[in-house]
Every structure is written in structure tokens, then in C-alpha cells.
Amino acid sequence: MKIIVTGSSGLLGSALVKALRDDGARVVRLVRRVPEGGDEAFWNPAKGVVEREALEGAEAVIHLAGAGIGDRRWSEDYKREVVRSRVEGTRTLAGALAGLRAKPAVLLSGSAIGFYGDTGDVAVDETAPAGAGFLAQEVVVPWEAETAPAEEAGIRVVKLRTGLVLSGQGGMMSQLLPIFRVGLGAPLGSGRQYWSWISIDDWVLAVQYILKNPEISGPVNLTAPEPVTNAEFTKTLGAVLHRPTMPLAVPGFVLRTAIGEFAEEGVLTGQRVLPRRLLDSGYTFRHTRLKEALAAVL
């Protein structure tokens, strides 16, 4: 099975590529530099360029490329880069796939639970509408919309709405772990905002499951069945690391001063998101409880 992957050098992409190859797939990575070997092909989404010959014969395409949401302080320029990298990349890829002679059966396109905005303590699934705010309205909604050409061409399209991925190798956990390991972990803001998490093992297994189940299409929440509040996350991570946590929360204004606008939507706002489509289709999570998931990845 030939599978095209973008964003293959990131936390999720690198873990997924290894798993796909271990499963016997031939993986071709789209890269924005001179390709090194037959398992790489060039693309430049900013210029709408992709090697169509490399796409021919692929049975599946997994699109994960995009600038990191929380990698930098949100200047206006970086916010534009976050949007541009997702919209242009998805537009370039979906358009190219729609024009192929032999089209892939499926496109799995990266997305995020930021689609739902701040849900408070209300649990939502894939039937919920888009929320408000920059991430929902200016990033995720237009990002997902760019998959339309592939869908109109008869390709099964799945939008991977990913939550907070738990991994000891990177992502948001790489920012939290040094603080917690010295005993300075603390709830953020009110601590009541929900964090919808998924272990990296379940993320990879769920993506492979979706690939092999053609009845699954449209948005799919890649989150564990039991989201927790930030206060509970803090307490559990401290317990797993056998480190104390601070009794007082970090005030919202301190976070806004320290990390800027990202604090509001990326830290202080929460989504209580349930993986209804995965559960209804029969997927069995490896990690359903936060404590066991953290213990596994750390």
C-alpha cells in the first residue's frame, strides 16, 4: 500500500510514518527541500507546487503539515503564518489529488478541536457547530473547507480534529514537563477549563484504524473518552511524576503577559470534546484514563 504523508518530520508525522512502515506500507514523504531518495517527493504549498507523479498510484494521503499553533508568541505575522500554512497546503494537495488520473481512496487531513471554540463544561461531539474565536473561525473552518475539491472528486475525506497529544517526545508536554519536574506545576487560570487529551499511541492507532475503515468520513475527534479539567490534569501529572504541585493557580493575566494572545485560546479556553465517531465505529482506546496514559508515555 502506497501512502503519501505531509508533515512527516513533526511529532505526529514521525510516529505515524514509523507505524505505517512497520505495518508494511510504502510511505512517500512530501518535503519542501531537495528530496533524498525514492521515499521523498518535493512540494511547495506556498506556490501551489507538488510532484503529481509522486501522488499517482497512492491509495491514501495523510496531510499533517502546518505551522505549530503554540510554537511562538502570536504576533499578527505569525497568526497569518498559522493560517497560510494550513490553507495553502490543504488547497494545493486537495486540488492536485482531484486532478489525478488514478485518485487515492482516502485523504486524512489534519484539523483540531479548536474548531469548537470554548465549550465550557458542555461536552460536544462531531455534530457540534463551529465556535467563536481566531482558532475556530480563522484557522480551522477555512482549513477544513480546503478539502472540498478532493471530496467533490469522489475521494473519502476525513478531518482529523486532534486534541492535546500526550507524548514524552515533544508537543505541549515538552513545555510542561520541565516545570512539573521541579515541583512548580500549577493550575492555569481558573483550572476549570477542560483539556481534551489523547495519548500518542492512541492517536497513531486511531489514524491507522480510520485508514482501514471506509465507512468513516467527515470530521473525527481524536480525543480520549474522558477529558479532564486543567486542575485535574495538573494534579494527575504531578502524581505520575511523583512531584508536588503548587496550591495556587497561575492567574490568567500573568499567562497573558508571559505568552501573549495564545494564552487566551490555547490555555485558558477549554473544549470538552468526545470521540463519538470513533466509539460508534467500534474503535477501542488503549488509554481511556489520564493517569494510565501519562504513565505510558512518560
Protein backbone atom coordinates (compact mmCIF):
# COMPACT_ATOMS: atom_id res chain seq x y z
CA MET A 1 0.00 0.00 0.00
CA LYS A 2 1.42 3.38 -1.05
CA ILE A 3 0.68 6.23 1.36
CA ILE A 4 1.63 9.90 0.93
CA VAL A 5 2.37 11.84 4.14
CA THR A 6 2.95 15.56 4.67
CA GLY A 7 4.28 16.96 7.93
CA SER A 8 6.23 13.74 8.40
CA SER A 9 9.03 15.31 10.44
CA GLY A 10 6.72 16.54 13.23
CA LEU A 11 5.79 14.76 16.45
CA LEU A 12 2.72 13.09 14.99
CA GLY A 13 4.05 12.58 11.48
CA SER A 14 7.25 10.85 12.52
CA ALA A 15 5.41 8.48 14.87
CA LEU A 16 2.82 7.69 12.21
CA VAL A 17 5.33 7.10 9.41
CA LYS A 18 7.19 4.57 11.56
CA ALA A 19 3.96 2.74 12.41
CA LEU A 20 2.81 2.67 8.78
CA ARG A 21 6.14 1.28 7.61
CA ASP A 22 6.15 -1.28 10.39
CA ASP A 23 2.72 -2.31 9.09
CA GLY A 24 4.17 -2.91 5.62
CA ALA A 25 3.10 0.28 3.84
CA ARG A 26 5.27 2.13 1.34
CA VAL A 27 5.35 5.70 2.66
CA VAL A 28 6.31 8.64 0.43
CA ARG A 29 7.01 11.83 2.36
CA LEU A 30 6.29 15.21 0.76
CA VAL A 31 9.14 17.58 1.70
CA ARG A 32 9.92 21.25 1.00
CA ARG A 33 13.61 20.66 0.21
CA VAL A 34 15.55 18.63 -2.32
CA PRO A 35 14.26 15.03 -1.95
CA GLU A 36 16.68 12.41 -0.67
CA GLY A 37 15.79 9.07 -2.19
CA GLY A 38 12.71 7.47 -3.65
CA ASP A 39 10.65 7.72 -0.49
CA GLU A 40 10.54 11.53 -0.71
CA ALA A 41 8.96 13.94 -3.20
CA PHE A 42 9.04 17.72 -3.46
CA TRP A 43 6.21 20.13 -2.82
CA ASN A 44 5.95 23.86 -2.22
CA PRO A 45 2.44 24.63 -0.95
CA ALA A 46 3.07 28.38 -0.87
CA LYS A 47 3.49 28.26 -4.67
CA GLY A 48 0.88 25.58 -5.26
CA VAL A 49 3.52 23.10 -6.43
CA VAL A 50 3.51 19.36 -5.82
CA GLU A 51 5.04 16.45 -7.76
CA ARG A 52 1.90 14.89 -9.21
CA GLU A 53 3.84 11.88 -10.47
CA ALA A 54 4.68 11.01 -6.88
CA LEU A 55 0.97 11.11 -6.00
CA GLU A 56 -0.06 8.74 -8.78
CA GLY A 57 -0.77 5.24 -7.53
CA ALA A 58 -1.17 6.25 -3.90
CA GLU A 59 -4.03 4.53 -2.10
CA ALA A 60 -4.11 7.03 0.78
CA VAL A 61 -2.87 10.52 1.61
CA ILE A 62 -2.33 11.83 5.16
CA HIS A 63 -1.89 15.60 5.38
CA LEU A 64 -0.41 16.86 8.67
CA ALA A 65 1.67 19.88 7.61
CA GLY A 66 1.19 23.28 9.24
CA ALA A 67 2.99 25.81 11.44
CA GLY A 68 2.82 24.96 15.15
CA ILE A 69 -0.06 26.65 16.94
CA GLY A 70 1.79 27.22 20.20
CA ASP A 71 5.38 27.23 18.96
CA ARG A 72 5.75 31.03 19.10
CA ARG A 73 4.16 34.10 20.59
CA TRP A 74 1.17 35.13 18.48
CA SER A 75 2.24 38.21 16.58
CA GLU A 76 -0.02 39.25 13.71
CA ASP A 77 2.60 37.93 11.29
CA TYR A 78 2.74 34.54 12.99
CA LYS A 79 -1.04 34.26 13.12
CA ARG A 80 -1.08 34.81 9.36
CA GLU A 81 1.57 32.09 9.00
CA VAL A 82 -0.53 29.65 11.05
CA VAL A 83 -3.48 30.25 8.73
CA ARG A 84 -1.49 30.39 5.50
CA SER A 85 0.46 27.19 6.13
CA ARG A 86 -2.76 25.24 6.64
CA VAL A 87 -4.97 26.79 3.99
CA GLU A 88 -2.36 26.87 1.21
CA GLY A 89 -1.08 23.38 1.97
CA THR A 90 -4.54 21.81 2.01
CA ARG A 91 -5.61 23.72 -1.10
CA THR A 92 -2.53 22.61 -3.03
CA LEU A 93 -2.82 18.98 -2.01
CA ALA A 94 -6.62 18.59 -2.40
CA GLY A 95 -6.53 20.26 -5.82
CA ALA A 96 -3.70 18.02 -7.01
CA LEU A 97 -5.44 14.86 -5.80
CA ALA A 98 -8.69 15.85 -7.51
CA GLY A 99 -6.83 16.13 -10.81
CA LEU A 100 -5.11 12.75 -10.72
CA ARG A 101 -5.96 10.03 -13.23
CA ALA A 102 -5.94 7.38 -10.50
CA LYS A 103 -7.18 9.05 -7.34
CA PRO A 104 -6.44 7.76 -3.83
CA ALA A 105 -9.29 6.19 -1.93
CA VAL A 106 -8.90 8.46 1.09
CA LEU A 107 -7.47 11.77 2.26
CA LEU A 108 -6.94 12.14 6.02
CA SER A 109 -6.48 15.86 6.59
CA GLY A 110 -5.21 17.35 9.83
CA SER A 111 -7.52 19.55 11.86
CA ALA A 112 -8.00 20.50 15.52
CA ILE A 113 -10.59 20.60 18.28
CA GLY A 114 -10.09 24.35 18.28
CA PHE A 115 -12.99 24.13 15.79
CA TYR A 116 -15.41 24.07 18.74
CA GLY A 117 -14.16 27.22 20.47
CA ASP A 118 -14.73 27.48 24.23
CA THR A 119 -17.31 24.83 25.18
CA GLY A 120 -17.18 25.48 28.93
CA ASP A 121 -18.32 22.34 30.76
CA VAL A 122 -20.62 21.27 27.91
CA ALA A 123 -19.50 18.04 26.23
CA VAL A 124 -19.53 18.19 22.42
CA ASP A 125 -19.04 15.68 19.63
CA GLU A 126 -18.64 15.92 15.85
CA THR A 127 -22.21 17.17 15.38
CA ALA A 128 -21.48 20.44 17.23
CA PRO A 129 -21.15 23.66 15.19
CA ALA A 130 -18.02 25.77 14.92
CA GLY A 131 -17.32 28.02 17.87
CA ALA A 132 -16.05 31.59 18.04
CA GLY A 133 -12.52 32.98 18.11
CA PHE A 134 -9.38 33.03 15.99
CA LEU A 135 -8.67 29.28 16.10
CA ALA A 136 -12.22 28.28 15.22
CA GLN A 137 -13.21 30.88 12.65
CA GLU A 138 -9.91 31.96 11.10
CA VAL A 139 -7.89 28.74 11.29
CA VAL A 140 -9.91 25.53 11.48
CA VAL A 141 -13.02 26.44 9.49
CA PRO A 142 -11.14 27.66 6.37
CA TRP A 143 -8.54 24.89 6.81
CA GLU A 144 -11.17 22.16 6.67
CA ALA A 145 -13.02 23.88 3.81
CA GLU A 146 -10.00 23.50 1.51
CA THR A 147 -10.53 19.71 1.40
CA ALA A 148 -13.68 20.25 -0.72
CA PRO A 149 -12.06 19.61 -4.16
CA ALA A 150 -10.92 16.16 -3.06
CA GLU A 151 -14.33 15.30 -1.66
CA GLU A 152 -16.08 16.55 -4.81
CA ALA A 153 -13.75 14.33 -6.85
CA GLY A 154 -15.07 11.26 -5.01
CA ILE A 155 -12.22 10.84 -2.52
CA ARG A 156 -13.19 9.85 1.02
CA VAL A 157 -12.15 12.77 3.20
CA VAL A 158 -11.63 12.54 6.97
CA LYS A 159 -10.86 15.65 9.03
CA LEU A 160 -8.69 14.67 11.99
CA ARG A 161 -9.76 17.02 14.80
CA THR A 162 -6.89 16.39 17.20
CA GLY A 163 -6.81 17.35 20.88
CA LEU A 164 -3.85 17.66 23.26
CA VAL A 165 -1.48 14.83 22.34
CA LEU A 166 0.37 13.26 25.27
CA SER A 167 3.93 12.30 24.41
CA GLY A 168 7.26 12.30 26.16
CA GLN A 169 8.95 13.32 22.90
CA GLY A 170 7.54 16.77 22.22
CA GLY A 171 4.43 18.85 21.72
CA MET A 172 2.84 20.75 24.60
CA MET A 173 4.16 18.20 27.09
CA SER A 174 7.72 19.33 26.33
CA GLN A 175 6.79 22.75 27.74
CA LEU A 176 5.01 21.37 30.81
CA LEU A 177 7.40 18.63 31.93
CA PRO A 178 10.42 20.79 32.94
CA ILE A 179 8.14 22.92 35.14
CA PHE A 180 6.44 19.94 36.79
CA ARG A 181 9.69 18.05 37.33
CA VAL A 182 11.00 20.81 39.59
CA GLY A 183 7.76 20.90 41.57
CA LEU A 184 6.39 24.15 40.11
CA GLY A 185 3.39 22.75 38.24
CA ALA A 186 0.17 24.63 38.99
CA PRO A 187 -3.36 25.01 37.60
CA LEU A 188 -3.64 27.66 34.90
CA GLY A 189 -6.24 30.39 35.23
CA SER A 190 -9.43 29.08 36.81
CA GLY A 191 -8.29 25.47 36.33
CA ARG A 192 -11.89 24.65 35.37
CA GLN A 193 -11.28 24.69 31.61
CA TYR A 194 -11.42 21.24 30.03
CA TRP A 195 -8.39 19.75 28.29
CA SER A 196 -9.32 17.02 25.81
CA TRP A 197 -6.29 14.78 25.51
CA ILE A 198 -5.19 11.65 23.65
CA SER A 199 -2.07 9.52 24.07
CA ILE A 200 0.23 9.47 21.06
CA ASP A 201 -0.21 5.68 20.92
CA ASP A 202 -3.97 6.05 20.54
CA TRP A 203 -3.57 8.87 18.02
CA VAL A 204 -1.44 6.66 15.76
CA LEU A 205 -3.65 3.60 16.23
CA ALA A 206 -6.82 5.62 15.58
CA VAL A 207 -5.41 7.04 12.34
CA GLN A 208 -4.49 3.53 11.17
CA TYR A 209 -7.97 2.34 12.16
CA ILE A 210 -9.62 5.14 10.15
CA LEU A 211 -7.48 4.28 7.13
CA LYS A 212 -8.79 0.70 7.18
CA ASN A 213 -12.46 1.54 7.79
CA PRO A 214 -14.01 3.08 4.66
CA GLU A 215 -17.33 3.84 6.36
CA ILE A 216 -15.66 6.62 8.38
CA SER A 217 -15.65 10.04 6.73
CA GLY A 218 -16.07 13.70 7.65
CA PRO A 219 -14.87 15.15 10.97
CA VAL A 220 -13.49 12.73 13.57
CA ASN A 221 -12.44 13.83 17.05
CA LEU A 222 -9.10 12.34 18.03
CA THR A 223 -9.50 12.67 21.79
CA ALA A 224 -9.81 10.16 24.61
CA PRO A 225 -13.30 9.46 26.00
CA GLU A 226 -12.64 11.18 29.35
CA PRO A 227 -11.47 14.81 29.05
CA VAL A 228 -10.39 16.42 32.32
CA THR A 229 -10.19 19.92 33.75
CA ASN A 230 -6.85 21.68 33.81
CA ALA A 231 -6.82 21.38 37.61
CA GLU A 232 -7.27 17.60 37.38
CA PHE A 233 -4.63 17.38 34.66
CA THR A 234 -2.20 19.29 36.89
CA LYS A 235 -2.85 17.05 39.90
CA THR A 236 -2.52 13.86 37.84
CA LEU A 237 0.68 14.87 36.07
CA GLY A 238 2.26 15.78 39.40
CA ALA A 239 1.25 12.41 40.84
CA VAL A 240 2.66 10.47 37.88
CA LEU A 241 5.96 12.35 38.15
CA HIS A 242 5.95 11.95 41.97
CA ARG A 243 6.34 15.71 42.32
CA PRO A 244 4.30 18.21 44.35
CA THR A 245 2.22 20.84 42.60
CA MET A 246 1.63 24.43 43.66
CA PRO A 247 -1.55 25.08 45.68
CA LEU A 248 -2.26 28.40 43.96
CA ALA A 249 -3.19 28.76 40.30
CA VAL A 250 -1.27 30.91 37.83
CA PRO A 251 -3.57 33.90 37.19
CA GLY A 252 -4.81 34.49 33.68
CA PHE A 253 -3.27 37.95 33.47
CA VAL A 254 0.18 36.51 34.24
CA LEU A 255 -0.19 33.99 31.40
CA ARG A 256 -1.39 36.70 29.00
CA THR A 257 1.64 38.80 29.89
CA ALA A 258 4.05 35.87 29.58
CA ILE A 259 2.87 34.22 26.35
CA GLY A 260 0.54 36.77 24.80
CA GLU A 261 -2.69 36.15 22.91
CA PHE A 262 -2.14 32.38 22.69
CA ALA A 263 -2.82 32.19 26.43
CA GLU A 264 -6.49 33.04 25.92
CA GLU A 265 -7.42 30.48 23.27
CA GLY A 266 -4.67 27.92 23.72
CA VAL A 267 -4.50 27.64 27.52
CA LEU A 268 -7.33 29.42 29.35
CA THR A 269 -10.08 28.35 26.96
CA GLY A 270 -11.19 24.73 27.06
CA GLN A 271 -13.01 22.19 24.95
CA ARG A 272 -14.80 19.20 26.45
CA VAL A 273 -14.69 17.03 23.33
CA LEU A 274 -15.87 13.43 22.98
CA PRO A 275 -14.72 10.98 20.25
CA ARG A 276 -18.25 9.90 19.30
CA ARG A 277 -17.43 8.82 15.73
CA LEU A 278 -14.56 6.59 16.83
CA LEU A 279 -16.53 5.00 19.65
CA ASP A 280 -19.60 4.40 17.49
CA SER A 281 -17.47 2.78 14.79
CA GLY A 282 -16.02 0.28 17.28
CA TYR A 283 -12.56 1.69 17.97
CA THR A 284 -11.18 0.55 21.33
CA PHE A 285 -8.91 3.03 23.07
CA ARG A 286 -5.68 1.76 24.56
CA HIS A 287 -5.72 4.59 27.13
CA THR A 288 -9.00 5.94 28.46
CA ARG A 289 -7.76 7.31 31.81
CA LEU A 290 -5.36 10.22 32.04
CA LYS A 291 -3.15 8.67 34.74
CA GLU A 292 -2.53 5.48 32.77
CA ALA A 293 -1.89 7.45 29.59
CA LEU A 294 0.67 9.74 31.24
CA ALA A 295 2.38 6.78 32.89
CA ALA A 296 2.62 5.05 29.50
CA VAL A 297 4.04 7.97 27.52
CA LEU A 298 6.43 9.13 30.24
